[in-house]
């Protein structure tokens, strides 16, 4: 299983999450961001080289949010 991806779309697609991601949202190098959308919480990390880690996601009752910088 691949855990790092060259593009954000490839990372999101690996878990079927492309439709949940805000079109204009980007992730800075070395940062983790999260958001709640459509009953899912997801977080994704972008390393210092610009590669994206496979997103972590799970069901949530949390209201939809914008992008939240976690680190």
Protein backbone atom coordinates (compact mmCIF):
# COMPACT_ATOMS: atom_id res chain seq x y z
CA UNK A 1 0.00 0.00 0.00
CA UNK A 2 1.32 3.44 -0.95
CA UNK A 3 1.48 5.91 1.93
CA UNK A 4 2.99 9.05 0.32
CA UNK A 5 1.82 10.79 -2.85
CA UNK A 6 3.25 13.51 -5.09
CA UNK A 7 -0.05 15.41 -5.36
CA UNK A 8 -2.86 16.30 -2.99
CA UNK A 9 -5.43 14.85 -5.41
CA UNK A 10 -3.60 11.51 -5.53
CA UNK A 11 -3.51 11.34 -1.72
CA UNK A 12 -7.20 12.22 -1.40
CA UNK A 13 -8.15 9.80 -4.19
CA UNK A 14 -6.35 6.95 -2.38
CA UNK A 15 -9.12 7.11 0.25
CA UNK A 16 -11.98 8.35 -1.97
CA UNK A 17 -12.02 11.83 -0.39
CA UNK A 18 -11.58 14.20 -3.33
CA UNK A 19 -15.18 15.42 -3.19
CA UNK A 20 -14.81 16.51 0.45
CA UNK A 21 -11.79 18.78 -0.09
CA UNK A 22 -12.36 22.53 -0.63
CA UNK A 23 -11.18 23.41 -4.14
CA UNK A 24 -9.01 26.37 -3.10
CA UNK A 25 -7.50 24.83 0.05
CA UNK A 26 -3.78 24.11 0.07
CA UNK A 27 -1.43 22.67 2.66
CA UNK A 28 1.87 24.34 3.58
CA UNK A 29 5.07 22.27 3.62
CA UNK A 30 5.61 20.50 6.96
CA UNK A 31 2.01 21.00 8.11
CA UNK A 32 -0.98 18.90 9.10
CA UNK A 33 -4.46 20.19 8.38
CA UNK A 34 -7.90 18.81 9.07
CA UNK A 35 -11.53 19.51 8.33
CA UNK A 36 -15.00 18.13 8.90
CA UNK A 37 -17.23 17.74 5.85
CA UNK A 38 -20.37 15.74 5.14
CA UNK A 39 -20.11 13.68 8.33
CA UNK A 40 -16.40 12.86 7.89
CA UNK A 41 -13.34 14.17 9.72
CA UNK A 42 -10.14 14.04 7.72
CA UNK A 43 -6.60 15.15 8.29
CA UNK A 44 -3.63 15.10 5.98
CA UNK A 45 0.08 15.84 6.39
CA UNK A 46 2.40 17.40 3.80
CA UNK A 47 6.08 16.76 4.42
CA UNK A 48 9.00 19.15 3.93
CA UNK A 49 9.64 17.76 0.42
CA UNK A 50 6.06 18.50 -0.66
CA UNK A 51 4.71 14.93 -0.60
CA UNK A 52 1.32 14.18 0.94
CA UNK A 53 0.71 11.39 3.43
CA UNK A 54 -2.32 9.12 3.00
CA UNK A 55 -5.22 10.94 4.72
CA UNK A 56 -6.65 9.79 8.04
CA UNK A 57 -10.46 9.92 8.11
CA UNK A 58 -13.44 8.68 10.09
CA UNK A 59 -17.13 9.37 10.70
CA UNK A 60 -18.00 12.33 12.91
CA UNK A 61 -21.04 14.19 14.19
CA UNK A 62 -19.05 17.44 14.08
CA UNK A 63 -20.51 20.26 11.97
CA UNK A 64 -18.71 21.05 8.71
CA UNK A 65 -15.65 23.27 9.18
CA UNK A 66 -13.18 25.10 7.04
CA UNK A 67 -9.56 24.05 6.96
CA UNK A 68 -8.03 23.82 10.44
CA UNK A 69 -4.22 24.02 10.74
CA UNK A 70 -3.23 21.36 13.27
CA UNK A 71 0.53 21.96 13.22
